[in-house]
Amino acid sequence: MGEVVGAGLLAHVPTIMLPEEIRRELNNGEDSTLVSGLRELRREVFETLEYDTVLVMDSHWATTVEYVVTAQDRRSGLFTSEELPRGMQRRPYDFPGDPELAHLIASKAPAHSTWVTAIDDHHLPIFYATTNLWEFLGDGMPDKRWISIGVCQTADAEDCFRLGRAVGEAIAESDRKVLILASGALSHTFWPLRKLRDHEAAGHEHIFTPEALAADLERIEWFKAGDHARVLATMDDFYRFKPEAKFMHYLMMIGALGEEACTAAGRQFGEYENSVGTGQVHLWFDRPEGGFPPPKHTPLDPGFARQTGLPDIPAAG
């Protein structure tokens, strides 16, 4: 029987991929603690914990008509970001996938009245919300599998929970020990281009508004106290500060961890930092004694068409 053995709300901010001298130049001579935080997380968790697969909830990968989970046997290549090619250019990645778990996740979607398709196409694009974290936490560990699920841009919070419940059920039915990473930021408003270069340092004074800063810091304290119920109960208020991807990366993850029943306390690695107006932090939720709560049951949705995806379309050529 499988289980989630740890989970994290982690920043993938592009600054962490820059050479140290440039990071210091942008940050008044100091290095970003988001870098040292990931290195510490690797030493304390990823190099000591027993696990088989890492599942990334990727806030940069936006699907439209369904959730998609990667099902390739292996993903490898060179990644250049379309968003920031100067900072992330031809970065190699190479890791095994987990097709068995991916297809099992997809098979659980109908029972939770949602749609998930497992895609094994090796030409499927990859995004830095996955590759940046892999470089810090997975590179050099060739036996660890990595898969990703994109956020769905037509989904709402309930859809995210349903996806997470399908993930949690599939993991429990598998023989896998899994780490789930919600890869994305907290508040997420960028400074306008003409002002942006005045706000590249990590200090709190560079967060886009004092109100966004306060909302982020408040939620970090709730996470550290294990008060996921309060985070979920106040999501409508948090939406005022435009959390990255509507905070779907976290909502999908917590759906797999029992939602408001989850009381796993967060350990912070590194400091909370600004990135051109956005709030960035690394929080790790260790497996509670006895495990994470089981995912919720999804009541039958009578309007749901019980299908796992769209009909297959033959490949070109």
C-alpha atoms as a PDB file:
ATOM      1  CA  MET A   1       0.000   0.000   0.000  1.00  0.00           C
ATOM      2  CA  GLY A   2       1.394   3.384  -0.998  1.00  0.00           C
ATOM      3  CA  GLU A   3       1.432   6.668   0.857  1.00  0.00           C
ATOM      4  CA  VAL A   4       2.482  10.296   0.725  1.00  0.00           C
ATOM      5  CA  VAL A   5       5.610  10.534   2.877  1.00  0.00           C
ATOM      6  CA  GLY A   6       6.091  14.302   2.639  1.00  0.00           C
ATOM      7  CA  ALA A   7       4.883  17.382   0.818  1.00  0.00           C
ATOM      8  CA  GLY A   8       6.103  20.890   0.119  1.00  0.00           C
ATOM      9  CA  LEU A   9       4.953  24.321  -0.982  1.00  0.00           C
ATOM     10  CA  LEU A  10       8.112  25.390  -2.779  1.00  0.00           C
ATOM     11  CA  ALA A  11       9.307  28.415  -4.745  1.00  0.00           C
ATOM     12  CA  HIS A  12      10.699  27.796  -8.229  1.00  0.00           C
ATOM     13  CA  VAL A  13      11.533  31.482  -8.814  1.00  0.00           C
ATOM     14  CA  PRO A  14      13.955  31.998 -11.764  1.00  0.00           C
ATOM     15  CA  THR A  15      16.438  33.933  -9.611  1.00  0.00           C
ATOM     16  CA  ILE A  16      17.612  30.679  -8.025  1.00  0.00           C
ATOM     17  CA  MET A  17      18.991  29.543 -11.391  1.00  0.00           C
ATOM     18  CA  LEU A  18      21.234  32.581 -11.878  1.00  0.00           C
ATOM     19  CA  PRO A  19      24.964  32.421 -11.064  1.00  0.00           C
ATOM     20  CA  GLU A  20      25.728  33.425  -7.487  1.00  0.00           C
ATOM     21  CA  GLU A  21      27.506  36.621  -8.468  1.00  0.00           C
ATOM     22  CA  ILE A  22      24.428  37.834 -10.335  1.00  0.00           C
ATOM     23  CA  ARG A  23      22.120  36.845  -7.477  1.00  0.00           C
ATOM     24  CA  ARG A  24      24.271  38.914  -5.110  1.00  0.00           C
ATOM     25  CA  GLU A  25      24.366  41.837  -7.540  1.00  0.00           C
ATOM     26  CA  LEU A  26      20.555  41.878  -7.592  1.00  0.00           C
ATOM     27  CA  ASN A  27      20.291  41.576  -3.813  1.00  0.00           C
ATOM     28  CA  ASN A  28      22.606  44.211  -2.357  1.00  0.00           C
ATOM     29  CA  GLY A  29      25.540  41.805  -2.072  1.00  0.00           C
ATOM     30  CA  GLU A  30      23.612  39.048  -0.294  1.00  0.00           C
ATOM     31  CA  ASP A  31      22.731  35.666  -1.757  1.00  0.00           C
ATOM     32  CA  SER A  32      19.136  34.473  -1.920  1.00  0.00           C
ATOM     33  CA  THR A  33      18.180  32.243   0.991  1.00  0.00           C
ATOM     34  CA  LEU A  34      15.819  30.460  -1.385  1.00  0.00           C
ATOM     35  CA  VAL A  35      18.953  28.817  -2.816  1.00  0.00           C
ATOM     36  CA  SER A  36      20.420  27.776   0.524  1.00  0.00           C
ATOM     37  CA  GLY A  37      16.926  26.727   1.617  1.00  0.00           C
ATOM     38  CA  LEU A  38      16.594  24.255  -1.255  1.00  0.00           C
ATOM     39  CA  ARG A  39      20.062  22.904  -0.581  1.00  0.00           C
ATOM     40  CA  GLU A  40      19.184  22.404   3.064  1.00  0.00           C
ATOM     41  CA  LEU A  41      15.891  20.751   2.090  1.00  0.00           C
ATOM     42  CA  ARG A  42      17.774  18.341  -0.130  1.00  0.00           C
ATOM     43  CA  ARG A  43      20.212  17.403   2.639  1.00  0.00           C
ATOM     44  CA  GLU A  44      17.576  17.025   5.344  1.00  0.00           C
ATOM     45  CA  VAL A  45      14.736  15.459   3.377  1.00  0.00           C
ATOM     46  CA  PHE A  46      15.474  14.337  -0.175  1.00  0.00           C
ATOM     47  CA  GLU A  47      18.750  12.614   0.711  1.00  0.00           C
ATOM     48  CA  THR A  48      17.439  10.958   3.879  1.00  0.00           C
ATOM     49  CA  LEU A  49      13.773  10.099   3.315  1.00  0.00           C
ATOM     50  CA  GLU A  50      12.678   6.827   1.719  1.00  0.00           C
ATOM     51  CA  TYR A  51      10.578   7.568  -1.365  1.00  0.00           C
ATOM     52  CA  ASP A  52      10.078   6.353  -4.934  1.00  0.00           C
ATOM     53  CA  THR A  53       8.388   9.165  -6.849  1.00  0.00           C
ATOM     54  CA  VAL A  54       8.173  12.940  -6.752  1.00  0.00           C
ATOM     55  CA  LEU A  55       4.909  14.416  -8.024  1.00  0.00           C
ATOM     56  CA  VAL A  56       5.061  18.105  -8.969  1.00  0.00           C
ATOM     57  CA  MET A  57       1.913  20.205  -9.080  1.00  0.00           C
ATOM     58  CA  ASP A  58       3.265  22.564 -11.744  1.00  0.00           C
ATOM     59  CA  SER A  59       1.791  26.084 -11.559  1.00  0.00           C
ATOM     60  CA  HIS A  60       3.384  27.075 -14.894  1.00  0.00           C
ATOM     61  CA  TRP A  61       1.718  24.334 -16.923  1.00  0.00           C
ATOM     62  CA  ALA A  62      -1.835  25.446 -17.717  1.00  0.00           C
ATOM     63  CA  THR A  63      -4.144  22.959 -19.406  1.00  0.00           C
ATOM     64  CA  THR A  64      -7.691  23.769 -20.506  1.00  0.00           C
ATOM     65  CA  VAL A  65     -10.179  20.913 -20.884  1.00  0.00           C
ATOM     66  CA  GLU A  66      -8.732  18.386 -18.414  1.00  0.00           C
ATOM     67  CA  TYR A  67      -5.896  17.781 -16.004  1.00  0.00           C
ATOM     68  CA  VAL A  68      -2.841  16.149 -17.553  1.00  0.00           C
ATOM     69  CA  VAL A  69      -0.288  13.956 -15.784  1.00  0.00           C
ATOM     70  CA  THR A  70       3.023  13.075 -17.440  1.00  0.00           C
ATOM     71  CA  ALA A  71       3.347   9.377 -18.233  1.00  0.00           C
ATOM     72  CA  GLN A  72       6.655   9.109 -20.115  1.00  0.00           C
ATOM     73  CA  ASP A  73       9.094   6.395 -19.099  1.00  0.00           C
ATOM     74  CA  ARG A  74      11.796   9.050 -19.062  1.00  0.00           C
ATOM     75  CA  ARG A  75      12.067  12.796 -19.694  1.00  0.00           C
ATOM     76  CA  SER A  76      15.311  14.319 -20.890  1.00  0.00           C
ATOM     77  CA  GLY A  77      16.554  17.196 -22.975  1.00  0.00           C
ATOM     78  CA  LEU A  78      17.668  20.812 -22.776  1.00  0.00           C
ATOM     79  CA  PHE A  79      15.314  23.393 -21.313  1.00  0.00           C
ATOM     80  CA  THR A  80      15.242  27.023 -22.426  1.00  0.00           C
ATOM     81  CA  SER A  81      12.514  29.162 -20.909  1.00  0.00           C
ATOM     82  CA  GLU A  82      10.278  31.052 -23.308  1.00  0.00           C
ATOM     83  CA  GLU A  83       9.640  33.523 -20.489  1.00  0.00           C
ATOM     84  CA  LEU A  84      13.215  34.170 -19.334  1.00  0.00           C
ATOM     85  CA  PRO A  85      15.651  32.682 -21.868  1.00  0.00           C
ATOM     86  CA  ARG A  86      18.518  34.864 -20.671  1.00  0.00           C
ATOM     87  CA  GLY A  87      18.392  33.299 -17.219  1.00  0.00           C
ATOM     88  CA  MET A  88      17.319  29.742 -18.041  1.00  0.00           C
ATOM     89  CA  GLN A  89      19.015  28.629 -21.233  1.00  0.00           C
ATOM     90  CA  ARG A  90      19.824  25.097 -22.443  1.00  0.00           C
ATOM     91  CA  ARG A  91      19.656  23.609 -18.948  1.00  0.00           C
ATOM     92  CA  PRO A  92      19.897  19.803 -19.102  1.00  0.00           C
ATOM     93  CA  TYR A  93      17.355  17.589 -17.384  1.00  0.00           C
ATOM     94  CA  ASP A  94      17.161  13.794 -17.307  1.00  0.00           C
ATOM     95  CA  PHE A  95      14.994  11.709 -14.992  1.00  0.00           C
ATOM     96  CA  PRO A  96      12.794   8.598 -15.074  1.00  0.00           C
ATOM     97  CA  GLY A  97       9.038   8.972 -15.067  1.00  0.00           C
ATOM     98  CA  ASP A  98       6.403   6.791 -13.437  1.00  0.00           C
ATOM     99  CA  PRO A  99       3.907   5.694 -16.112  1.00  0.00           C
ATOM    100  CA  GLU A 100       2.249   3.173 -13.801  1.00  0.00           C
ATOM    101  CA  LEU A 101       1.385   5.765 -11.183  1.00  0.00           C
ATOM    102  CA  ALA A 102       0.371   8.313 -13.846  1.00  0.00           C
ATOM    103  CA  HIS A 103      -2.158   5.954 -15.405  1.00  0.00           C
ATOM    104  CA  LEU A 104      -3.436   4.931 -11.986  1.00  0.00           C
ATOM    105  CA  ILE A 105      -4.068   8.604 -11.143  1.00  0.00           C
ATOM    106  CA  ALA A 106      -5.959   9.064 -14.420  1.00  0.00           C
ATOM    107  CA  SER A 107      -8.061   5.970 -13.703  1.00  0.00           C
ATOM    108  CA  LYS A 108      -9.287   7.447 -10.409  1.00  0.00           C
ATOM    109  CA  ALA A 109     -10.587  10.673 -11.948  1.00  0.00           C
ATOM    110  CA  PRO A 110     -14.108   9.510 -12.880  1.00  0.00           C
ATOM    111  CA  ALA A 111     -14.851   8.457  -9.301  1.00  0.00           C
ATOM    112  CA  HIS A 112     -14.131  12.056  -8.277  1.00  0.00           C
ATOM    113  CA  SER A 113     -16.147  13.623 -11.113  1.00  0.00           C
ATOM    114  CA  THR A 114     -13.182  15.144 -12.875  1.00  0.00           C
ATOM    115  CA  TRP A 115     -11.015  14.538 -15.935  1.00  0.00           C
ATOM    116  CA  VAL A 116      -7.377  13.481 -15.927  1.00  0.00           C
ATOM    117  CA  THR A 117      -5.436  12.190 -18.930  1.00  0.00           C
ATOM    118  CA  ALA A 118      -2.041  10.509 -18.755  1.00  0.00           C
ATOM    119  CA  ILE A 119       0.168  11.641 -21.669  1.00  0.00           C
ATOM    120  CA  ASP A 120       3.330   9.751 -22.641  1.00  0.00           C
ATOM    121  CA  ASP A 121       4.334  11.929 -25.633  1.00  0.00           C
ATOM    122  CA  HIS A 122       8.056  12.685 -25.386  1.00  0.00           C
ATOM    123  CA  HIS A 123       7.491  15.979 -27.209  1.00  0.00           C
ATOM    124  CA  LEU A 124       5.262  17.275 -24.423  1.00  0.00           C
ATOM    125  CA  PRO A 125       6.779  20.575 -23.230  1.00  0.00           C
ATOM    126  CA  ILE A 126       8.287  20.834 -19.773  1.00  0.00           C
ATOM    127  CA  PHE A 127       8.210  23.918 -17.552  1.00  0.00           C
ATOM    128  CA  TYR A 128      10.644  25.440 -15.096  1.00  0.00           C
ATOM    129  CA  ALA A 129       8.271  25.008 -12.181  1.00  0.00           C
ATOM    130  CA  THR A 130       9.342  21.354 -12.549  1.00  0.00           C
ATOM    131  CA  THR A 131      12.895  21.554 -13.892  1.00  0.00           C
ATOM    132  CA  ASN A 132      14.158  24.195 -11.438  1.00  0.00           C
ATOM    133  CA  LEU A 133      13.114  22.098  -8.456  1.00  0.00           C
ATOM    134  CA  TRP A 134      14.494  18.935 -10.056  1.00  0.00           C
ATOM    135  CA  GLU A 135      17.907  20.579 -10.534  1.00  0.00           C
ATOM    136  CA  PHE A 136      18.124  21.337  -6.813  1.00  0.00           C
ATOM    137  CA  LEU A 137      16.313  18.323  -5.376  1.00  0.00           C
ATOM    138  CA  GLY A 138      16.558  15.502  -7.917  1.00  0.00           C
ATOM    139  CA  ASP A 139      19.677  15.873 -10.058  1.00  0.00           C
ATOM    140  CA  GLY A 140      22.181  13.169  -9.148  1.00  0.00           C
ATOM    141  CA  MET A 141      19.483  10.788  -7.841  1.00  0.00           C
ATOM    142  CA  PRO A 142      18.926   8.606 -10.927  1.00  0.00           C
ATOM    143  CA  ASP A 143      16.651   6.105  -9.177  1.00  0.00           C
ATOM    144  CA  LYS A 144      14.021   8.677  -8.183  1.00  0.00           C
ATOM    145  CA  ARG A 145      11.052   9.082 -10.520  1.00  0.00           C
ATOM    146  CA  TRP A 146       9.575  12.515 -11.263  1.00  0.00           C
ATOM    147  CA  ILE A 147       6.156  13.252 -12.775  1.00  0.00           C
ATOM    148  CA  SER A 148       4.135  16.454 -13.116  1.00  0.00           C
ATOM    149  CA  ILE A 149       0.498  17.508 -13.208  1.00  0.00           C
ATOM    150  CA  GLY A 150      -0.486  20.851 -14.708  1.00  0.00           C
ATOM    151  CA  VAL A 151      -3.020  23.255 -13.280  1.00  0.00           C
ATOM    152  CA  CYS A 152      -6.216  23.556 -15.302  1.00  0.00           C
ATOM    153  CA  GLN A 153      -7.067  27.133 -16.199  1.00  0.00           C
ATOM    154  CA  THR A 154     -10.820  26.454 -16.415  1.00  0.00           C
ATOM    155  CA  ALA A 155     -10.896  24.783 -12.967  1.00  0.00           C
ATOM    156  CA  ASP A 156     -11.997  26.222  -9.641  1.00  0.00           C
ATOM    157  CA  ALA A 157     -11.020  25.258  -6.097  1.00  0.00           C
ATOM    158  CA  GLU A 158     -13.450  22.320  -5.975  1.00  0.00           C
ATOM    159  CA  ASP A 159     -11.928  20.941  -9.188  1.00  0.00           C
ATOM    160  CA  CYS A 160      -8.486  21.212  -7.600  1.00  0.00           C
ATOM    161  CA  PHE A 161      -9.662  19.264  -4.554  1.00  0.00           C
ATOM    162  CA  ARG A 162     -11.164  16.586  -6.788  1.00  0.00           C
ATOM    163  CA  LEU A 163      -7.892  16.241  -8.657  1.00  0.00           C
ATOM    164  CA  GLY A 164      -6.018  15.971  -5.375  1.00  0.00           C
ATOM    165  CA  ARG A 165      -8.436  13.356  -4.055  1.00  0.00           C
ATOM    166  CA  ALA A 166      -7.869  11.245  -7.183  1.00  0.00           C
ATOM    167  CA  VAL A 167      -4.125  11.596  -6.667  1.00  0.00           C
ATOM    168  CA  GLY A 168      -4.346  10.602  -3.010  1.00  0.00           C
ATOM    169  CA  GLU A 169      -6.541   7.589  -3.772  1.00  0.00           C
ATOM    170  CA  ALA A 170      -4.201   6.416  -6.531  1.00  0.00           C
ATOM    171  CA  ILE A 171      -1.130   6.739  -4.331  1.00  0.00           C
ATOM    172  CA  ALA A 172      -2.825   4.759  -1.543  1.00  0.00           C
ATOM    173  CA  GLU A 173      -3.695   1.980  -3.981  1.00  0.00           C
ATOM    174  CA  SER A 174      -0.177   1.870  -5.426  1.00  0.00           C
ATOM    175  CA  ASP A 175       3.008   0.523  -3.877  1.00  0.00           C
ATOM    176  CA  ARG A 176       4.693   3.935  -4.120  1.00  0.00           C
ATOM    177  CA  LYS A 177       6.083   6.213  -1.454  1.00  0.00           C
ATOM    178  CA  VAL A 178       5.507   9.683  -2.893  1.00  0.00           C
ATOM    179  CA  LEU A 179       6.608  13.252  -2.252  1.00  0.00           C
ATOM    180  CA  ILE A 180       4.165  15.907  -3.508  1.00  0.00           C
ATOM    181  CA  LEU A 181       5.544  19.335  -4.423  1.00  0.00           C
ATOM    182  CA  ALA A 182       3.233  22.304  -4.891  1.00  0.00           C
ATOM    183  CA  SER A 183       5.563  24.364  -7.076  1.00  0.00           C
ATOM    184  CA  GLY A 184       4.621  28.028  -7.006  1.00  0.00           C
ATOM    185  CA  ALA A 185       4.487  31.350  -5.202  1.00  0.00           C
ATOM    186  CA  LEU A 186       2.185  33.044  -2.701  1.00  0.00           C
ATOM    187  CA  SER A 187       1.009  36.569  -3.703  1.00  0.00           C
ATOM    188  CA  HIS A 188       1.958  37.097  -7.309  1.00  0.00           C
ATOM    189  CA  THR A 189       1.769  40.596  -8.772  1.00  0.00           C
ATOM    190  CA  PHE A 190       4.798  41.809 -10.718  1.00  0.00           C
ATOM    191  CA  TRP A 191       6.029  45.375 -10.726  1.00  0.00           C
ATOM    192  CA  PRO A 192       5.503  47.080 -14.113  1.00  0.00           C
ATOM    193  CA  LEU A 193       8.468  46.854 -16.466  1.00  0.00           C
ATOM    194  CA  ARG A 194       9.646  50.451 -16.029  1.00  0.00           C
ATOM    195  CA  LYS A 195       9.699  50.005 -12.230  1.00  0.00           C
ATOM    196  CA  LEU A 196      10.694  46.353 -12.049  1.00  0.00           C
ATOM    197  CA  ARG A 197      14.466  46.822 -11.841  1.00  0.00           C
ATOM    198  CA  ASP A 198      14.038  48.927  -8.729  1.00  0.00           C
ATOM    199  CA  HIS A 199      12.500  45.932  -6.971  1.00  0.00           C
ATOM    200  CA  GLU A 200      14.748  42.946  -7.710  1.00  0.00           C
ATOM    201  CA  ALA A 201      16.195  42.588  -4.208  1.00  0.00           C
ATOM    202  CA  ALA A 202      14.743  40.037  -1.787  1.00  0.00           C
ATOM    203  CA  GLY A 203      13.603  42.468   0.931  1.00  0.00           C
ATOM    204  CA  HIS A 204      10.006  42.587   2.099  1.00  0.00           C
ATOM    205  CA  GLU A 205       9.736  46.260   1.158  1.00  0.00           C
ATOM    206  CA  HIS A 206       9.730  45.171  -2.503  1.00  0.00           C
ATOM    207  CA  ILE A 207       6.581  43.027  -2.278  1.00  0.00           C
ATOM    208  CA  PHE A 208       3.978  44.667  -4.514  1.00  0.00           C
ATOM    209  CA  THR A 209       1.810  46.020  -1.696  1.00  0.00           C
ATOM    210  CA  PRO A 210       2.025  46.043   2.114  1.00  0.00           C
ATOM    211  CA  GLU A 211      -1.332  44.266   2.158  1.00  0.00           C
ATOM    212  CA  ALA A 212       0.002  41.411  -0.004  1.00  0.00           C
ATOM    213  CA  LEU A 213       3.028  41.139   2.282  1.00  0.00           C
ATOM    214  CA  ALA A 214       0.789  40.928   5.351  1.00  0.00           C
ATOM    215  CA  ALA A 215      -1.429  38.280   3.730  1.00  0.00           C
ATOM    216  CA  ASP A 216       1.592  36.146   2.810  1.00  0.00           C
ATOM    217  CA  LEU A 217       3.191  36.376   6.252  1.00  0.00           C
ATOM    218  CA  GLU A 218      -0.123  35.575   7.926  1.00  0.00           C
ATOM    219  CA  ARG A 219      -0.535  32.416   5.866  1.00  0.00           C
ATOM    220  CA  ILE A 220       3.051  31.337   6.445  1.00  0.00           C
ATOM    221  CA  GLU A 221       2.329  31.371  10.174  1.00  0.00           C
ATOM    222  CA  TRP A 222      -0.847  29.342   9.616  1.00  0.00           C
ATOM    223  CA  PHE A 223       1.097  26.825   7.542  1.00  0.00           C
ATOM    224  CA  LYS A 224       3.768  26.540  10.231  1.00  0.00           C
ATOM    225  CA  ALA A 225       1.028  25.894  12.795  1.00  0.00           C
ATOM    226  CA  GLY A 226      -0.552  23.218  10.572  1.00  0.00           C
ATOM    227  CA  ASP A 227      -3.725  25.282  10.247  1.00  0.00           C
ATOM    228  CA  HIS A 228      -4.588  24.312   6.679  1.00  0.00           C
ATOM    229  CA  ALA A 229      -8.271  24.657   7.558  1.00  0.00           C
ATOM    230  CA  ARG A 230      -7.810  28.375   8.110  1.00  0.00           C
ATOM    231  CA  VAL A 231      -5.866  28.781   4.864  1.00  0.00           C
ATOM    232  CA  LEU A 232      -8.708  27.108   2.981  1.00  0.00           C
ATOM    233  CA  ALA A 233     -11.449  29.027   4.793  1.00  0.00           C
ATOM    234  CA  THR A 234      -9.864  32.355   3.806  1.00  0.00           C
ATOM    235  CA  MET A 235      -9.057  31.612   0.174  1.00  0.00           C
ATOM    236  CA  ASP A 236     -11.578  34.168  -1.109  1.00  0.00           C
ATOM    237  CA  ASP A 237      -9.715  36.873   0.794  1.00  0.00           C
ATOM    238  CA  PHE A 238      -6.330  35.640  -0.414  1.00  0.00           C
ATOM    239  CA  TYR A 239      -7.477  35.809  -4.021  1.00  0.00           C
ATOM    240  CA  ARG A 240      -7.389  39.607  -3.681  1.00  0.00           C
ATOM    241  CA  PHE A 241      -3.580  39.307  -3.796  1.00  0.00           C
ATOM    242  CA  LYS A 242      -3.523  37.146  -6.934  1.00  0.00           C
ATOM    243  CA  PRO A 243      -1.665  34.081  -5.631  1.00  0.00           C
ATOM    244  CA  GLU A 244       0.200  32.340  -8.427  1.00  0.00           C
ATOM    245  CA  ALA A 245      -2.084  30.203 -10.606  1.00  0.00           C
ATOM    246  CA  LYS A 246      -4.964  30.998  -8.209  1.00  0.00           C
ATOM    247  CA  PHE A 247      -3.001  28.935  -5.665  1.00  0.00           C
ATOM    248  CA  MET A 248      -4.076  25.814  -7.536  1.00  0.00           C
ATOM    249  CA  HIS A 249      -0.724  24.114  -6.935  1.00  0.00           C
ATOM    250  CA  TYR A 250      -1.414  24.199  -3.194  1.00  0.00           C
ATOM    251  CA  LEU A 251      -5.136  23.357  -3.521  1.00  0.00           C
ATOM    252  CA  MET A 252      -4.310  20.294  -5.634  1.00  0.00           C
ATOM    253  CA  MET A 253      -1.710  19.168  -3.121  1.00  0.00           C
ATOM    254  CA  ILE A 254      -3.925  19.655  -0.068  1.00  0.00           C
ATOM    255  CA  GLY A 255      -6.698  17.753  -1.844  1.00  0.00           C
ATOM    256  CA  ALA A 256      -4.422  14.709  -1.713  1.00  0.00           C
ATOM    257  CA  LEU A 257      -3.612  15.350   1.958  1.00  0.00           C
ATOM    258  CA  GLY A 258      -7.115  15.502   3.409  1.00  0.00           C
ATOM    259  CA  GLU A 259      -7.941  19.209   2.929  1.00  0.00           C
ATOM    260  CA  GLU A 260      -8.992  20.901   6.194  1.00  0.00           C
ATOM    261  CA  ALA A 261      -8.401  17.638   8.104  1.00  0.00           C
ATOM    262  CA  CYS A 262      -4.680  17.982   7.379  1.00  0.00           C
ATOM    263  CA  THR A 263      -2.792  19.427  10.355  1.00  0.00           C
ATOM    264  CA  ALA A 264       0.768  18.824   9.142  1.00  0.00           C
ATOM    265  CA  ALA A 265       2.940  21.691  10.390  1.00  0.00           C
ATOM    266  CA  GLY A 266       5.241  23.393   7.913  1.00  0.00           C
ATOM    267  CA  ARG A 267       8.998  23.709   8.352  1.00  0.00           C
ATOM    268  CA  GLN A 268      10.432  26.759   6.621  1.00  0.00           C
ATOM    269  CA  PHE A 269      13.655  26.454   4.641  1.00  0.00           C
ATOM    270  CA  GLY A 270      15.244  29.818   3.921  1.00  0.00           C
ATOM    271  CA  GLU A 271      13.487  33.146   4.367  1.00  0.00           C
ATOM    272  CA  TYR A 272      10.357  34.557   2.787  1.00  0.00           C
ATOM    273  CA  GLU A 273      11.619  36.698  -0.102  1.00  0.00           C
ATOM    274  CA  ASN A 274      10.453  39.095  -2.761  1.00  0.00           C
ATOM    275  CA  SER A 275      10.868  38.399  -6.443  1.00  0.00           C
ATOM    276  CA  VAL A 276       9.964  41.513  -8.476  1.00  0.00           C
ATOM    277  CA  GLY A 277       6.824  42.005  -6.412  1.00  0.00           C
ATOM    278  CA  THR A 278       5.845  38.375  -5.719  1.00  0.00           C
ATOM    279  CA  GLY A 279       6.041  36.440  -2.443  1.00  0.00           C
ATOM    280  CA  GLN A 280       8.292  33.369  -2.391  1.00  0.00           C
ATOM    281  CA  VAL A 281       8.874  30.765   0.331  1.00  0.00           C
ATOM    282  CA  HIS A 282       9.829  27.109   0.890  1.00  0.00           C
ATOM    283  CA  LEU A 283       7.605  25.233   3.362  1.00  0.00           C
ATOM    284  CA  TRP A 284       7.906  21.503   4.021  1.00  0.00           C
ATOM    285  CA  PHE A 285       5.170  19.354   5.577  1.00  0.00           C
ATOM    286  CA  ASP A 286       6.549  16.208   7.156  1.00  0.00           C
ATOM    287  CA  ARG A 287       4.413  13.088   7.280  1.00  0.00           C
ATOM    288  CA  PRO A 288       2.458  13.183  10.553  1.00  0.00           C
ATOM    289  CA  GLU A 289       2.629  10.198  12.864  1.00  0.00           C
ATOM    290  CA  GLY A 290       0.080   7.796  11.427  1.00  0.00           C
ATOM    291  CA  GLY A 291       0.260   9.427   7.998  1.00  0.00           C
ATOM    292  CA  PHE A 292      -1.635  12.207   6.251  1.00  0.00           C
ATOM    293  CA  PRO A 293      -5.439  12.030   6.477  1.00  0.00           C
ATOM    294  CA  PRO A 294      -7.044  10.056   3.648  1.00  0.00           C
ATOM    295  CA  PRO A 295      -8.438  12.105   0.780  1.00  0.00           C
ATOM    296  CA  LYS A 296     -12.094  13.016   0.987  1.00  0.00           C
ATOM    297  CA  HIS A 297     -14.776  11.136  -0.887  1.00  0.00           C
ATOM    298  CA  THR A 298     -16.316  13.154  -3.714  1.00  0.00           C
ATOM    299  CA  PRO A 299     -20.112  12.992  -3.774  1.00  0.00           C
ATOM    300  CA  LEU A 300     -21.504  11.789  -7.066  1.00  0.00           C
ATOM    301  CA  ASP A 301     -22.019  14.664  -9.498  1.00  0.00           C
ATOM    302  CA  PRO A 302     -25.066  13.667 -11.581  1.00  0.00           C
ATOM    303  CA  GLY A 303     -24.043  16.027 -14.361  1.00  0.00           C
ATOM    304  CA  PHE A 304     -20.589  14.552 -14.727  1.00  0.00           C
ATOM    305  CA  ALA A 305     -19.870  12.669 -17.960  1.00  0.00           C
ATOM    306  CA  ARG A 306     -17.947   9.596 -16.850  1.00  0.00           C
ATOM    307  CA  GLN A 307     -14.991   9.690 -19.163  1.00  0.00           C
ATOM    308  CA  THR A 308     -11.262   9.822 -18.526  1.00  0.00           C
ATOM    309  CA  GLY A 309     -10.367  12.153 -21.377  1.00  0.00           C
ATOM    310  CA  LEU A 310     -10.939  13.090 -24.992  1.00  0.00           C
ATOM    311  CA  PRO A 311     -10.729  10.546 -27.796  1.00  0.00           C
ATOM    312  CA  ASP A 312      -7.190   9.792 -28.909  1.00  0.00           C
ATOM    313  CA  ILE A 313      -6.003  11.747 -31.945  1.00  0.00           C
ATOM    314  CA  PRO A 314      -3.505   9.899 -34.177  1.00  0.00           C
ATOM    315  CA  ALA A 315       0.012  11.329 -34.114  1.00  0.00           C
ATOM    316  CA  ALA A 316       1.165  13.241 -37.176  1.00  0.00           C
ATOM    317  CA  GLY A 317       3.229  11.403 -39.746  1.00  0.00           C
END
